[in-house]
Structure formats: structure tokens, C-alpha cells
């Protein structure tokens, strides 16, 4: 009975080790490197988009607070009227 328990533990350890080695090999190969770089690039693009969106939102808030948008709209309307 004791041998069966130890054999079961050995088989479980072997399966776990095999899975870890297979996973490490796939991560170290060219495909794994490409996946890692792709994930990193996607994360950087997402971060840059979030920063741009935040900057745009803050600029809109600042322009509204300073009344710049109203002046810009009036100036554009004035230029359009002069051109006609």
C-alpha cells in the first residue's frame, strides 16, 4: 500500500514537471518571444491611448474653464462670415 502512494506521488510530480518544462520551452522559443513582445506592445499602445484620452479630456476642461472654446468658436464663425 505504501508503494502505491509513493508511486502516485511520483507520477503526479512527473506530470507537473513535464508541464512546466513544456511551458518553459514554448516561452523561450521564437513564438513565445513574439507573443511576449506583442503583449508588451499592446500594453504600451493601450497606455498611450489612455494618456492621450486623458490629455484631451483635461484640455477640454481647461478650455471650458478659461472660456477659450467660446472665443475660438466666435473667431471661426467670424472668419467664415468674412470669407463669404
PDB file of N, CA and C in Angstrom:
ATOM      1  N   UNK A   1       0.821  -1.191   0.000  1.00  0.00           N
ATOM      2  CA  UNK A   1       0.000   0.000   0.000  1.00  0.00           C
ATOM      3  C   UNK A   1       0.871   1.263   0.000  1.00  0.00           C
ATOM      4  N   UNK A   2       1.944   1.235   0.759  1.00  0.00           N
ATOM      5  CA  UNK A   2       2.833   2.377   0.858  1.00  0.00           C
ATOM      6  C   UNK A   2       3.511   2.659  -0.490  1.00  0.00           C
ATOM      7  N   UNK A   3       3.849   1.601  -1.220  1.00  0.00           N
ATOM      8  CA  UNK A   3       4.490   1.760  -2.521  1.00  0.00           C
ATOM      9  C   UNK A   3       3.540   2.413  -3.530  1.00  0.00           C
ATOM     10  N   UNK A   4       2.269   2.081  -3.475  1.00  0.00           N
ATOM     11  CA  UNK A   4       1.285   2.662  -4.393  1.00  0.00           C
ATOM     12  C   UNK A   4       1.159   4.165  -4.157  1.00  0.00           C
ATOM     13  N   UNK A   5       1.162   4.575  -2.901  1.00  0.00           N
ATOM     14  CA  UNK A   5       1.072   6.010  -2.570  1.00  0.00           C
ATOM     15  C   UNK A   5       2.289   6.739  -3.129  1.00  0.00           C
ATOM     16  N   UNK A   6       3.497   6.180  -2.896  1.00  0.00           N
ATOM     17  CA  UNK A   6       4.703   6.833  -3.387  1.00  0.00           C
ATOM     18  C   UNK A   6       4.765   6.841  -4.911  1.00  0.00           C
ATOM     19  N   UNK A   7       4.253   5.787  -5.524  1.00  0.00           N
ATOM     20  CA  UNK A   7       4.216   5.750  -6.982  1.00  0.00           C
ATOM     21  C   UNK A   7       3.256   6.822  -7.512  1.00  0.00           C
ATOM     22  N   UNK A   8       2.130   6.993  -6.879  1.00  0.00           N
ATOM     23  CA  UNK A   8       1.172   8.039  -7.277  1.00  0.00           C
ATOM     24  C   UNK A   8       1.763   9.429  -7.118  1.00  0.00           C
ATOM     25  N   UNK A   9       2.478   9.646  -6.022  1.00  0.00           N
ATOM     26  CA  UNK A   9       3.130  10.942  -5.801  1.00  0.00           C
ATOM     27  C   UNK A   9       4.204  11.178  -6.875  1.00  0.00           C
ATOM     28  N   UNK A  10       4.957  10.148  -7.202  1.00  0.00           N
ATOM     29  CA  UNK A  10       5.987  10.264  -8.236  1.00  0.00           C
ATOM     30  C   UNK A  10       5.396  10.581  -9.604  1.00  0.00           C
ATOM     31  N   UNK A  11       4.285   9.922  -9.945  1.00  0.00           N
ATOM     32  CA  UNK A  11       3.624  10.179 -11.225  1.00  0.00           C
ATOM     33  C   UNK A  11       3.110  11.618 -11.262  1.00  0.00           C
ATOM     34  N   UNK A  12       2.502  12.088 -10.176  1.00  0.00           N
ATOM     35  CA  UNK A  12       1.985  13.463 -10.124  1.00  0.00           C
ATOM     36  C   UNK A  12       3.121  14.474 -10.285  1.00  0.00           C
ATOM     37  N   UNK A  13       4.227  14.251  -9.604  1.00  0.00           N
ATOM     38  CA  UNK A  13       5.376  15.150  -9.728  1.00  0.00           C
ATOM     39  C   UNK A  13       5.923  15.123 -11.157  1.00  0.00           C
ATOM     40  N   UNK A  14       5.970  13.953 -11.755  1.00  0.00           N
ATOM     41  CA  UNK A  14       6.440  13.837 -13.134  1.00  0.00           C
ATOM     42  C   UNK A  14       5.557  14.596 -14.117  1.00  0.00           C
ATOM     43  N   UNK A  15       4.248  14.488 -13.947  1.00  0.00           N
ATOM     44  CA  UNK A  15       3.308  15.196 -14.833  1.00  0.00           C
ATOM     45  C   UNK A  15       3.466  16.702 -14.669  1.00  0.00           C
ATOM     46  N   UNK A  16       3.549  17.159 -13.429  1.00  0.00           N
ATOM     47  CA  UNK A  16       3.702  18.600 -13.169  1.00  0.00           C
ATOM     48  C   UNK A  16       5.018  19.105 -13.757  1.00  0.00           C
ATOM     49  N   UNK A  17       6.094  18.340 -13.574  1.00  0.00           N
ATOM     50  CA  UNK A  17       7.396  18.746 -14.107  1.00  0.00           C
ATOM     51  C   UNK A  17       7.362  18.787 -15.633  1.00  0.00           C
ATOM     52  N   UNK A  18       6.733  17.805 -16.263  1.00  0.00           N
ATOM     53  CA  UNK A  18       6.637  17.766 -17.715  1.00  0.00           C
ATOM     54  C   UNK A  18       5.883  18.989 -18.235  1.00  0.00           C
ATOM     55  N   UNK A  19       4.785  19.344 -17.582  1.00  0.00           N
ATOM     56  CA  UNK A  19       4.014  20.529 -17.999  1.00  0.00           C
ATOM     57  C   UNK A  19       4.829  21.807 -17.849  1.00  0.00           C
ATOM     58  N   UNK A  20       5.561  21.928 -16.755  1.00  0.00           N
ATOM     59  CA  UNK A  20       6.380  23.129 -16.542  1.00  0.00           C
ATOM     60  C   UNK A  20       7.490  23.231 -17.590  1.00  0.00           C
ATOM     61  N   UNK A  21       8.133  22.105 -17.905  1.00  0.00           N
ATOM     62  CA  UNK A  21       9.205  22.115 -18.901  1.00  0.00           C
ATOM     63  C   UNK A  21       8.642  22.458 -20.277  1.00  0.00           C
ATOM     64  N   UNK A  22       7.506  21.896 -20.628  1.00  0.00           N
ATOM     65  CA  UNK A  22       6.882  22.189 -21.920  1.00  0.00           C
ATOM     66  C   UNK A  22       6.508  23.661 -22.010  1.00  0.00           C
ATOM     67  N   UNK A  23       5.954  24.213 -20.930  1.00  0.00           N
ATOM     68  CA  UNK A  23       5.584  25.631 -20.902  1.00  0.00           C
ATOM     69  C   UNK A  23       6.826  26.521 -21.039  1.00  0.00           C
ATOM     70  N   UNK A  24       7.891  26.168 -20.354  1.00  0.00           N
ATOM     71  CA  UNK A  24       9.131  26.952 -20.427  1.00  0.00           C
ATOM     72  C   UNK A  24       9.712  26.904 -21.830  1.00  0.00           C
ATOM     73  N   UNK A  25       9.660  25.755 -22.484  1.00  0.00           N
ATOM     74  CA  UNK A  25      10.185  25.646 -23.847  1.00  0.00           C
ATOM     75  C   UNK A  25       9.382  26.502 -24.814  1.00  0.00           C
ATOM     76  N   UNK A  26       8.066  26.531 -24.649  1.00  0.00           N
ATOM     77  CA  UNK A  26       7.248  27.341 -25.563  1.00  0.00           C
ATOM     78  C   UNK A  26       7.467  28.827 -25.317  1.00  0.00           C
ATOM     79  N   UNK A  27       7.756  29.208 -24.073  1.00  0.00           N
ATOM     80  CA  UNK A  27       8.011  30.623 -23.778  1.00  0.00           C
ATOM     81  C   UNK A  27       9.383  31.070 -24.241  1.00  0.00           C
ATOM     82  N   UNK A  28      10.344  30.160 -24.297  1.00  0.00           N
ATOM     83  CA  UNK A  28      11.705  30.519 -24.676  1.00  0.00           C
ATOM     84  C   UNK A  28      11.932  30.513 -26.182  1.00  0.00           C
ATOM     85  N   UNK A  29      11.059  29.863 -26.916  1.00  0.00           N
ATOM     86  CA  UNK A  29      11.231  29.779 -28.364  1.00  0.00           C
ATOM     87  C   UNK A  29      10.868  31.086 -29.045  1.00  0.00           C
ATOM     88  N   UNK A  30      11.062  31.140 -30.345  1.00  0.00           N
ATOM     89  CA  UNK A  30      10.743  32.366 -31.101  1.00  0.00           C
ATOM     90  C   UNK A  30       9.262  32.759 -31.000  1.00  0.00           C
ATOM     91  N   UNK A  31       8.384  31.760 -31.005  1.00  0.00           N
ATOM     92  CA  UNK A  31       6.961  32.062 -30.912  1.00  0.00           C
ATOM     93  C   UNK A  31       6.624  32.676 -29.559  1.00  0.00           C
ATOM     94  N   UNK A  32       7.222  32.142 -28.510  1.00  0.00           N
ATOM     95  CA  UNK A  32       6.992  32.675 -27.172  1.00  0.00           C
ATOM     96  C   UNK A  32       7.510  34.094 -27.034  1.00  0.00           C
ATOM     97  N   UNK A  33       8.658  34.347 -27.626  1.00  0.00           N
ATOM     98  CA  UNK A  33       9.220  35.697 -27.597  1.00  0.00           C
ATOM     99  C   UNK A  33       8.332  36.667 -28.370  1.00  0.00           C
ATOM    100  N   UNK A  34       7.850  36.228 -29.527  1.00  0.00           N
ATOM    101  CA  UNK A  34       6.947  37.072 -30.310  1.00  0.00           C
ATOM    102  C   UNK A  34       5.670  37.389 -29.541  1.00  0.00           C
ATOM    103  N   UNK A  35       5.125  36.396 -28.842  1.00  0.00           N
ATOM    104  CA  UNK A  35       3.919  36.632 -28.044  1.00  0.00           C
ATOM    105  C   UNK A  35       4.186  37.631 -26.934  1.00  0.00           C
ATOM    106  N   UNK A  36       5.324  37.472 -26.266  1.00  0.00           N
ATOM    107  CA  UNK A  36       5.663  38.376 -25.157  1.00  0.00           C
ATOM    108  C   UNK A  36       5.846  39.805 -25.656  1.00  0.00           C
ATOM    109  N   UNK A  37       6.544  39.965 -26.771  1.00  0.00           N
ATOM    110  CA  UNK A  37       6.752  41.309 -27.328  1.00  0.00           C
ATOM    111  C   UNK A  37       5.420  41.893 -27.803  1.00  0.00           C
ATOM    112  N   UNK A  38       4.581  41.076 -28.391  1.00  0.00           N
ATOM    113  CA  UNK A  38       3.259  41.539 -28.837  1.00  0.00           C
ATOM    114  C   UNK A  38       2.406  42.014 -27.671  1.00  0.00           C
ATOM    115  N   UNK A  39       2.425  41.254 -26.577  1.00  0.00           N
ATOM    116  CA  UNK A  39       1.662  41.677 -25.392  1.00  0.00           C
ATOM    117  C   UNK A  39       2.196  42.982 -24.834  1.00  0.00           C
ATOM    118  N   UNK A  40       3.516  43.113 -24.801  1.00  0.00           N
ATOM    119  CA  UNK A  40       4.133  44.339 -24.302  1.00  0.00           C
ATOM    120  C   UNK A  40       3.762  45.527 -25.188  1.00  0.00           C
ATOM    121  N   UNK A  41       3.832  45.351 -26.499  1.00  0.00           N
ATOM    122  CA  UNK A  41       3.490  46.425 -27.429  1.00  0.00           C
ATOM    123  C   UNK A  41       2.023  46.815 -27.289  1.00  0.00           C
ATOM    124  N   UNK A  42       1.139  45.824 -27.165  1.00  0.00           N
ATOM    125  CA  UNK A  42      -0.283  46.119 -26.981  1.00  0.00           C
ATOM    126  C   UNK A  42      -0.512  46.911 -25.701  1.00  0.00           C
ATOM    127  N   UNK A  43       0.182  46.528 -24.651  1.00  0.00           N
ATOM    128  CA  UNK A  43       0.053  47.249 -23.385  1.00  0.00           C
ATOM    129  C   UNK A  43       0.534  48.687 -23.497  1.00  0.00           C
ATOM    130  N   UNK A  44       1.644  48.893 -24.206  1.00  0.00           N
ATOM    131  CA  UNK A  44       2.153  50.249 -24.392  1.00  0.00           C
ATOM    132  C   UNK A  44       1.199  51.097 -25.232  1.00  0.00           C
ATOM    133  N   UNK A  45       0.634  50.510 -26.289  1.00  0.00           N
ATOM    134  CA  UNK A  45      -0.317  51.251 -27.116  1.00  0.00           C
ATOM    135  C   UNK A  45      -1.572  51.604 -26.318  1.00  0.00           C
ATOM    136  N   UNK A  46      -2.056  50.666 -25.508  1.00  0.00           N
ATOM    137  CA  UNK A  46      -3.224  50.943 -24.678  1.00  0.00           C
ATOM    138  C   UNK A  46      -2.936  52.054 -23.683  1.00  0.00           C
ATOM    139  N   UNK A  47      -1.750  52.024 -23.085  1.00  0.00           N
ATOM    140  CA  UNK A  47      -1.370  53.060 -22.131  1.00  0.00           C
ATOM    141  C   UNK A  47      -1.276  54.423 -22.829  1.00  0.00           C
ATOM    142  N   UNK A  48      -0.659  54.453 -24.007  1.00  0.00           N
ATOM    143  CA  UNK A  48      -0.533  55.714 -24.750  1.00  0.00           C
ATOM    144  C   UNK A  48      -1.905  56.262 -25.131  1.00  0.00           C
ATOM    145  N   UNK A  49      -2.821  55.377 -25.534  1.00  0.00           N
ATOM    146  CA  UNK A  49      -4.175  55.820 -25.862  1.00  0.00           C
ATOM    147  C   UNK A  49      -4.879  56.400 -24.641  1.00  0.00           C
ATOM    148  N   UNK A  50      -4.704  55.761 -23.500  1.00  0.00           N
ATOM    149  CA  UNK A  50      -5.319  56.262 -22.270  1.00  0.00           C
ATOM    150  C   UNK A  50      -4.745  57.621 -21.886  1.00  0.00           C
ATOM    151  N   UNK A  51      -3.443  57.797 -22.064  1.00  0.00           N
ATOM    152  CA  UNK A  51      -2.810  59.087 -21.753  1.00  0.00           C
ATOM    153  C   UNK A  51      -3.325  60.168 -22.701  1.00  0.00           C
ATOM    154  N   UNK A  52      -3.408  59.859 -23.994  1.00  0.00           N
ATOM    155  CA  UNK A  52      -3.922  60.841 -24.962  1.00  0.00           C
ATOM    156  C   UNK A  52      -5.366  61.215 -24.649  1.00  0.00           C
ATOM    157  N   UNK A  53      -6.161  60.220 -24.316  1.00  0.00           N
ATOM    158  CA  UNK A  53      -7.564  60.480 -23.983  1.00  0.00           C
ATOM    159  C   UNK A  53      -7.668  61.371 -22.746  1.00  0.00           C
ATOM    160  N   UNK A  54      -6.856  61.094 -21.743  1.00  0.00           N
ATOM    161  CA  UNK A  54      -6.845  61.918 -20.534  1.00  0.00           C
ATOM    162  C   UNK A  54      -6.387  63.336 -20.819  1.00  0.00           C
ATOM    163  N   UNK A  55      -5.377  63.481 -21.681  1.00  0.00           N
ATOM    164  CA  UNK A  55      -4.897  64.811 -22.045  1.00  0.00           C
ATOM    165  C   UNK A  55      -5.980  65.590 -22.782  1.00  0.00           C
ATOM    166  N   UNK A  56      -6.660  64.933 -23.703  1.00  0.00           N
ATOM    167  CA  UNK A  56      -7.731  65.584 -24.464  1.00  0.00           C
ATOM    168  C   UNK A  56      -8.856  66.035 -23.539  1.00  0.00           C
ATOM    169  N   UNK A  57      -9.226  65.162 -22.609  1.00  0.00           N
ATOM    170  CA  UNK A  57     -10.287  65.495 -21.657  1.00  0.00           C
ATOM    171  C   UNK A  57      -9.886  66.674 -20.784  1.00  0.00           C
ATOM    172  N   UNK A  58      -8.659  66.661 -20.293  1.00  0.00           N
ATOM    173  CA  UNK A  58      -8.191  67.753 -19.434  1.00  0.00           C
ATOM    174  C   UNK A  58      -8.082  69.058 -20.218  1.00  0.00           C
ATOM    175  N   UNK A  59      -7.621  68.987 -21.463  1.00  0.00           N
ATOM    176  CA  UNK A  59      -7.535  70.189 -22.280  1.00  0.00           C
ATOM    177  C   UNK A  59      -8.930  70.776 -22.510  1.00  0.00           C
ATOM    178  N   UNK A  60      -9.909  69.918 -22.753  1.00  0.00           N
ATOM    179  CA  UNK A  60     -11.284  70.385 -22.930  1.00  0.00           C
ATOM    180  C   UNK A  60     -11.785  71.068 -21.666  1.00  0.00           C
ATOM    181  N   UNK A  61     -11.489  70.471 -20.517  1.00  0.00           N
ATOM    182  CA  UNK A  61     -11.903  71.075 -19.246  1.00  0.00           C
ATOM    183  C   UNK A  61     -11.241  72.434 -19.044  1.00  0.00           C
ATOM    184  N   UNK A  62      -9.945  72.519 -19.330  1.00  0.00           N
ATOM    185  CA  UNK A  62      -9.226  73.787 -19.166  1.00  0.00           C
ATOM    186  C   UNK A  62      -9.738  74.851 -20.129  1.00  0.00           C
ATOM    187  N   UNK A  63      -9.980  74.467 -21.379  1.00  0.00           N
ATOM    188  CA  UNK A  63     -10.501  75.430 -22.352  1.00  0.00           C
ATOM    189  C   UNK A  63     -11.881  75.934 -21.928  1.00  0.00           C
ATOM    190  N   UNK A  64     -12.717  75.034 -21.419  1.00  0.00           N
ATOM    191  CA  UNK A  64     -14.045  75.455 -20.965  1.00  0.00           C
ATOM    192  C   UNK A  64     -13.920  76.374 -19.755  1.00  0.00           C
ATOM    193  N   UNK A  65     -13.021  76.064 -18.846  1.00  0.00           N
ATOM    194  CA  UNK A  65     -12.844  76.884 -17.643  1.00  0.00           C
ATOM    195  C   UNK A  65     -12.294  78.268 -17.979  1.00  0.00           C
ATOM    196  N   UNK A  66     -11.452  78.342 -18.984  1.00  0.00           N
ATOM    197  CA  UNK A  66     -10.853  79.624 -19.366  1.00  0.00           C
ATOM    198  C   UNK A  66     -11.675  80.382 -20.404  1.00  0.00           C
ATOM    199  N   UNK A  67     -12.703  79.742 -20.925  1.00  0.00           N
ATOM    200  CA  UNK A  67     -13.546  80.384 -21.927  1.00  0.00           C
ATOM    201  C   UNK A  67     -12.892  80.463 -23.288  1.00  0.00           C
ATOM    202  N   UNK A  68     -11.902  79.657 -23.537  1.00  0.00           N
ATOM    203  CA  UNK A  68     -11.188  79.683 -24.818  1.00  0.00           C
ATOM    204  C   UNK A  68     -12.049  79.105 -25.933  1.00  0.00           C
ATOM    205  N   UNK A  69     -12.831  78.085 -25.638  1.00  0.00           N
ATOM    206  CA  UNK A  69     -13.666  77.460 -26.665  1.00  0.00           C
ATOM    207  C   UNK A  69     -14.671  78.446 -27.224  1.00  0.00           C
ATOM    208  N   UNK A  70     -15.278  79.264 -26.388  1.00  0.00           N
ATOM    209  CA  UNK A  70     -16.263  80.234 -26.856  1.00  0.00           C
ATOM    210  C   UNK A  70     -15.596  81.237 -27.787  1.00  0.00           C
ATOM    211  N   UNK A  71     -14.386  81.690 -27.439  1.00  0.00           N
ATOM    212  CA  UNK A  71     -13.663  82.626 -28.284  1.00  0.00           C
ATOM    213  C   UNK A  71     -13.269  81.971 -29.608  1.00  0.00           C
ATOM    214  N   UNK A  72     -12.847  80.733 -29.548  1.00  0.00           N
ATOM    215  CA  UNK A  72     -12.439  80.032 -30.761  1.00  0.00           C
ATOM    216  C   UNK A  72     -13.635  79.834 -31.679  1.00  0.00           C
ATOM    217  N   UNK A  73     -14.790  79.484 -31.124  1.00  0.00           N
ATOM    218  CA  UNK A  73     -15.993  79.305 -31.937  1.00  0.00           C
ATOM    219  C   UNK A  73     -16.403  80.631 -32.580  1.00  0.00           C
ATOM    220  N   UNK A  74     -16.309  81.708 -31.842  1.00  0.00           N
ATOM    221  CA  UNK A  74     -16.662  83.024 -32.362  1.00  0.00           C
ATOM    222  C   UNK A  74     -15.688  83.428 -33.467  1.00  0.00           C
ATOM    223  N   UNK A  75     -14.404  83.184 -33.268  1.00  0.00           N
ATOM    224  CA  UNK A  75     -13.402  83.537 -34.267  1.00  0.00           C
ATOM    225  C   UNK A  75     -13.613  82.749 -35.549  1.00  0.00           C
ATOM    226  N   UNK A  76     -13.921  81.469 -35.429  1.00  0.00           N
ATOM    227  CA  UNK A  76     -14.158  80.649 -36.612  1.00  0.00           C
ATOM    228  C   UNK A  76     -15.397  81.148 -37.342  1.00  0.00           C
ATOM    229  N   UNK A  77     -16.449  81.468 -36.606  1.00  0.00           N
ATOM    230  CA  UNK A  77     -17.675  81.968 -37.226  1.00  0.00           C
ATOM    231  C   UNK A  77     -17.411  83.307 -37.903  1.00  0.00           C
ATOM    232  N   UNK A  78     -16.599  84.149 -37.285  1.00  0.00           N
ATOM    233  CA  UNK A  78     -16.261  85.436 -37.869  1.00  0.00           C
ATOM    234  C   UNK A  78     -15.462  85.296 -39.157  1.00  0.00           C
ATOM    235  N   UNK A  79     -14.527  84.373 -39.185  1.00  0.00           N
ATOM    236  CA  UNK A  79     -13.741  84.140 -40.383  1.00  0.00           C
ATOM    237  C   UNK A  79     -14.604  83.600 -41.505  1.00  0.00           C
ATOM    238  N   UNK A  80     -15.539  82.723 -41.179  1.00  0.00           N
ATOM    239  CA  UNK A  80     -16.440  82.187 -42.183  1.00  0.00           C
ATOM    240  C   UNK A  80     -17.321  83.280 -42.772  1.00  0.00           C
ATOM    241  N   UNK A  81     -17.764  84.221 -41.941  1.00  0.00           N
ATOM    242  CA  UNK A  81     -18.626  85.308 -42.410  1.00  0.00           C
ATOM    243  C   UNK A  81     -17.840  86.245 -43.322  1.00  0.00           C
ATOM    244  N   UNK A  82     -16.561  86.497 -43.000  1.00  0.00           N
ATOM    245  CA  UNK A  82     -15.735  87.388 -43.801  1.00  0.00           C
ATOM    246  C   UNK A  82     -15.441  86.769 -45.153  1.00  0.00           C
ATOM    247  N   UNK A  83     -15.254  85.466 -45.207  1.00  0.00           N
ATOM    248  CA  UNK A  83     -14.939  84.792 -46.459  1.00  0.00           C
ATOM    249  C   UNK A  83     -16.111  84.816 -47.426  1.00  0.00           C
ATOM    250  N   UNK A  84     -17.307  84.841 -46.924  1.00  0.00           N
ATOM    251  CA  UNK A  84     -18.490  84.796 -47.798  1.00  0.00           C
ATOM    252  C   UNK A  84     -18.724  86.131 -48.345  1.00  0.00           C
TER     253      UNK A  84
END
